[in-house]
Amino acid sequence: MSGNNKPHVQESELAFFSAITTSATHEMNNVLAITEQTAGLLEDLCIEDVSEINLSREKLKGIVDRITRQLARGSQIMQRLNSFAHGADNPTQTAELNALLENLVMLMQRFAAMKKIRLDMVPASQLVPVCGRIFTLESEIFNAINAAIEESPSGATINITVRNEKIQIVSELRERGLDITLLQVSREAP
């Protein structure tokens, strides 16, 4: 890589890191807002005169279940964001491609959902270790998936497949027969 390209790569990687972090923290804000509203409902019920409340055990359990689901969702978002952030810890790392890609695809679900696009990932049938600049690899995959999201019409499904030690990203809209391969990355990380 020439010295002239390095600032552009760093800006691109910073934009990538920012996009993922912003999306994940937006989702966490949603989790917190839903949890806060549901807890507020419980608090309101506690303030009411018990004799005036028509609250079944099932309804109360439903409220608690809603809080529990949001806590699990928030925990998963934080685990995925934490795993993603560790990809930038060291310039050279070894990672398992299926796990790395699954985590990235899950973190990108919000980008796709905003355009009513579905992201599907099919992992390789075996473990695929990759070694190199993992964060740069993630950034390139993000850019390719994001390009597929931008180019695909609403209602499309983007299939991300790991096959023969390569990643294939294909946008399909079966009614229109759209089939675009945007990126194939070899096993060696950049």
Protein backbone atom coordinates (compact mmCIF):
# COMPACT_ATOMS: atom_id res chain seq x y z
CA MET A 1 0.00 0.00 0.00
CA SER A 2 1.46 3.36 -0.94
CA GLY A 3 1.72 6.20 1.54
CA ASN A 4 -0.82 8.22 -0.47
CA ASN A 5 -3.58 5.64 0.04
CA LYS A 6 -3.08 5.22 3.79
CA PRO A 7 -5.02 8.35 4.93
CA HIS A 8 -7.95 7.35 2.67
CA VAL A 9 -7.95 3.83 4.12
CA GLN A 10 -7.84 5.19 7.68
CA GLU A 11 -10.75 7.57 6.95
CA SER A 12 -12.73 4.73 5.39
CA GLU A 13 -12.06 2.44 8.35
CA LEU A 14 -12.96 5.22 10.79
CA ALA A 15 -16.24 5.82 8.92
CA PHE A 16 -16.91 2.06 9.04
CA PHE A 17 -16.23 1.89 12.79
CA SER A 18 -18.44 4.93 13.34
CA ALA A 19 -21.32 3.51 11.27
CA ILE A 20 -21.35 0.20 13.14
CA THR A 21 -21.01 1.86 16.55
CA THR A 22 -23.71 4.41 15.81
CA SER A 23 -26.11 1.73 14.59
CA ALA A 24 -25.50 -0.54 17.60
CA THR A 25 -25.85 2.29 20.11
CA HIS A 26 -29.06 3.41 18.38
CA GLU A 27 -30.39 -0.13 18.87
CA MET A 28 -29.28 -0.02 22.52
CA ASN A 29 -31.18 3.25 22.97
CA ASN A 30 -34.26 1.48 21.62
CA VAL A 31 -33.77 -1.37 24.09
CA LEU A 32 -33.40 1.07 26.97
CA ALA A 33 -36.45 3.10 25.89
CA ILE A 34 -38.66 0.00 25.64
CA THR A 35 -37.38 -1.30 28.99
CA GLU A 36 -37.94 2.10 30.61
CA GLN A 37 -41.50 2.32 29.26
CA THR A 38 -42.31 -1.21 30.40
CA ALA A 39 -40.80 -0.59 33.85
CA GLY A 40 -42.84 2.61 34.01
CA LEU A 41 -45.96 0.57 33.38
CA LEU A 42 -45.06 -1.70 36.30
CA GLU A 43 -44.37 1.34 38.47
CA ASP A 44 -47.79 2.81 37.57
CA LEU A 45 -49.42 -0.49 38.52
CA CYS A 46 -47.64 -0.43 41.89
CA ILE A 47 -48.98 3.08 42.62
CA GLU A 48 -52.60 2.12 41.86
CA ASP A 49 -54.92 0.90 44.56
CA VAL A 50 -54.61 -2.90 44.43
CA SER A 51 -58.37 -3.35 44.72
CA GLU A 52 -58.91 -1.25 41.56
CA ILE A 53 -56.43 -3.10 39.38
CA ASN A 54 -57.75 -5.77 37.06
CA LEU A 55 -54.38 -7.42 36.44
CA SER A 56 -54.15 -11.10 35.71
CA ARG A 57 -51.09 -13.16 36.46
CA GLU A 58 -50.66 -13.71 32.69
CA LYS A 59 -50.68 -9.97 31.98
CA LEU A 60 -48.10 -9.35 34.70
CA LYS A 61 -45.97 -12.21 33.35
CA GLY A 62 -46.24 -10.67 29.85
CA ILE A 63 -44.86 -7.37 31.16
CA VAL A 64 -41.96 -9.12 32.89
CA ASP A 65 -41.30 -11.21 29.75
CA ARG A 66 -41.12 -8.01 27.67
CA ILE A 67 -38.44 -6.62 29.99
CA THR A 68 -36.56 -9.93 29.97
CA ARG A 69 -36.58 -10.06 26.13
CA GLN A 70 -35.27 -6.50 25.89
CA LEU A 71 -32.50 -7.24 28.40
CA ALA A 72 -31.46 -10.30 26.37
CA ARG A 73 -31.55 -8.23 23.16
CA GLY A 74 -29.44 -5.50 24.77
CA SER A 75 -26.96 -8.03 26.07
CA GLN A 76 -26.60 -9.57 22.60
CA ILE A 77 -26.09 -6.16 20.97
CA MET A 78 -23.37 -5.28 23.49
CA GLN A 79 -21.63 -8.66 23.06
CA ARG A 80 -21.63 -8.23 19.27
CA LEU A 81 -20.37 -4.65 19.49
CA ASN A 82 -17.66 -5.70 21.94
CA SER A 83 -16.55 -8.54 19.67
CA PHE A 84 -16.52 -6.17 16.69
CA ALA A 85 -14.49 -3.53 18.56
CA HIS A 86 -11.82 -6.09 19.46
CA GLY A 87 -11.21 -6.53 15.71
CA ALA A 88 -9.41 -3.19 15.79
CA ASP A 89 -7.21 -4.11 18.79
CA ASN A 90 -4.23 -5.42 16.84
CA PRO A 91 -3.12 -4.78 13.27
CA THR A 92 -2.62 -8.51 12.61
CA GLN A 93 -4.94 -11.12 14.05
CA THR A 94 -6.36 -14.54 13.37
CA ALA A 95 -10.12 -14.97 13.29
CA GLU A 96 -12.70 -17.51 12.18
CA LEU A 97 -14.42 -16.17 9.07
CA ASN A 98 -17.88 -17.67 9.72
CA ALA A 99 -18.06 -16.13 13.22
CA LEU A 100 -16.62 -12.81 12.07
CA LEU A 101 -19.09 -12.59 9.18
CA GLU A 102 -22.07 -13.67 11.29
CA ASN A 103 -21.29 -10.95 13.83
CA LEU A 104 -20.89 -8.29 11.13
CA VAL A 105 -24.10 -9.33 9.34
CA MET A 106 -26.04 -9.16 12.62
CA LEU A 107 -24.61 -5.69 13.31
CA MET A 108 -25.70 -4.62 9.80
CA GLN A 109 -29.32 -5.81 10.11
CA ARG A 110 -30.53 -2.31 10.98
CA PHE A 111 -28.98 -0.87 7.78
CA ALA A 112 -30.88 -3.43 5.72
CA ALA A 113 -34.13 -3.11 7.68
CA MET A 114 -34.24 0.63 7.02
CA LYS A 115 -34.58 -0.23 3.30
CA LYS A 116 -36.84 -3.25 3.94
CA ILE A 117 -34.09 -5.58 2.74
CA ARG A 118 -33.31 -8.94 4.26
CA LEU A 119 -29.74 -10.09 4.98
CA ASP A 120 -29.20 -13.85 5.02
CA MET A 121 -25.90 -15.49 5.82
CA VAL A 122 -24.91 -19.04 4.94
CA PRO A 123 -21.70 -20.06 6.72
CA ALA A 124 -19.16 -22.49 5.35
CA SER A 125 -19.66 -26.07 6.50
CA GLN A 126 -16.22 -26.02 8.13
CA LEU A 127 -14.21 -23.50 10.12
CA VAL A 128 -12.38 -20.97 7.92
CA PRO A 129 -9.46 -19.34 9.75
CA VAL A 130 -8.21 -16.04 8.33
CA CYS A 131 -5.10 -14.20 9.37
CA GLY A 132 -4.12 -10.61 8.69
CA ARG A 133 -5.71 -7.21 9.09
CA ILE A 134 -9.09 -8.45 10.31
CA PHE A 135 -10.49 -4.97 10.84
CA THR A 136 -9.62 -4.03 7.24
CA LEU A 137 -11.28 -7.24 6.03
CA GLU A 138 -14.41 -6.41 8.04
CA SER A 139 -14.38 -2.91 6.57
CA GLU A 140 -14.21 -4.27 3.01
CA ILE A 141 -17.01 -6.73 3.69
CA PHE A 142 -19.10 -3.94 5.26
CA ASN A 143 -18.55 -1.75 2.19
CA ALA A 144 -19.60 -4.57 -0.14
CA ILE A 145 -22.73 -5.44 1.87
CA ASN A 146 -23.57 -1.75 2.22
CA ALA A 147 -23.20 -1.31 -1.57
CA ALA A 148 -25.54 -4.27 -2.07
CA ILE A 149 -28.04 -2.65 0.30
CA GLU A 150 -27.80 0.67 -1.55
CA GLU A 151 -28.15 -0.96 -4.98
CA SER A 152 -30.95 -3.35 -4.07
CA PRO A 153 -34.60 -2.39 -4.24
CA SER A 154 -36.90 -2.65 -1.25
CA GLY A 155 -37.97 -6.25 -0.71
CA ALA A 156 -34.70 -7.77 -1.90
CA THR A 157 -32.78 -10.46 -0.05
CA ILE A 158 -29.00 -10.19 0.12
CA ASN A 159 -27.36 -13.58 0.53
CA ILE A 160 -23.91 -13.62 2.09
CA THR A 161 -22.26 -16.99 1.61
CA VAL A 162 -18.93 -18.42 2.70
CA ARG A 163 -18.01 -21.08 0.19
CA ASN A 164 -14.64 -22.49 -0.88
CA GLU A 165 -12.84 -20.06 1.44
CA LYS A 166 -14.47 -17.08 -0.32
CA ILE A 167 -17.21 -14.68 0.65
CA GLN A 168 -19.88 -14.12 -1.93
CA ILE A 169 -22.42 -11.33 -1.55
CA VAL A 170 -25.37 -11.62 -3.91
CA SER A 171 -28.44 -9.40 -4.00
CA GLU A 172 -31.52 -11.16 -5.28
CA LEU A 173 -35.00 -9.95 -6.00
CA ARG A 174 -36.64 -13.06 -7.35
CA GLU A 175 -39.47 -11.20 -9.06
CA ARG A 176 -36.99 -9.14 -11.07
CA GLY A 177 -34.25 -11.71 -11.35
CA LEU A 178 -31.59 -9.33 -10.01
CA ASP A 179 -28.35 -11.18 -9.27
CA ILE A 180 -25.25 -9.09 -8.54
CA THR A 181 -22.03 -10.47 -7.11
CA LEU A 182 -20.29 -7.56 -5.39
CA LEU A 183 -17.32 -9.06 -3.59
CA GLN A 184 -15.31 -12.22 -3.38
CA VAL A 185 -12.59 -12.15 -0.74
CA SER A 186 -9.92 -14.82 -0.57
CA ARG A 187 -8.97 -16.53 2.67
CA GLU A 188 -5.99 -14.22 3.17
CA ALA A 189 -7.13 -11.09 4.96
CA PRO A 190 -5.74 -7.78 3.57
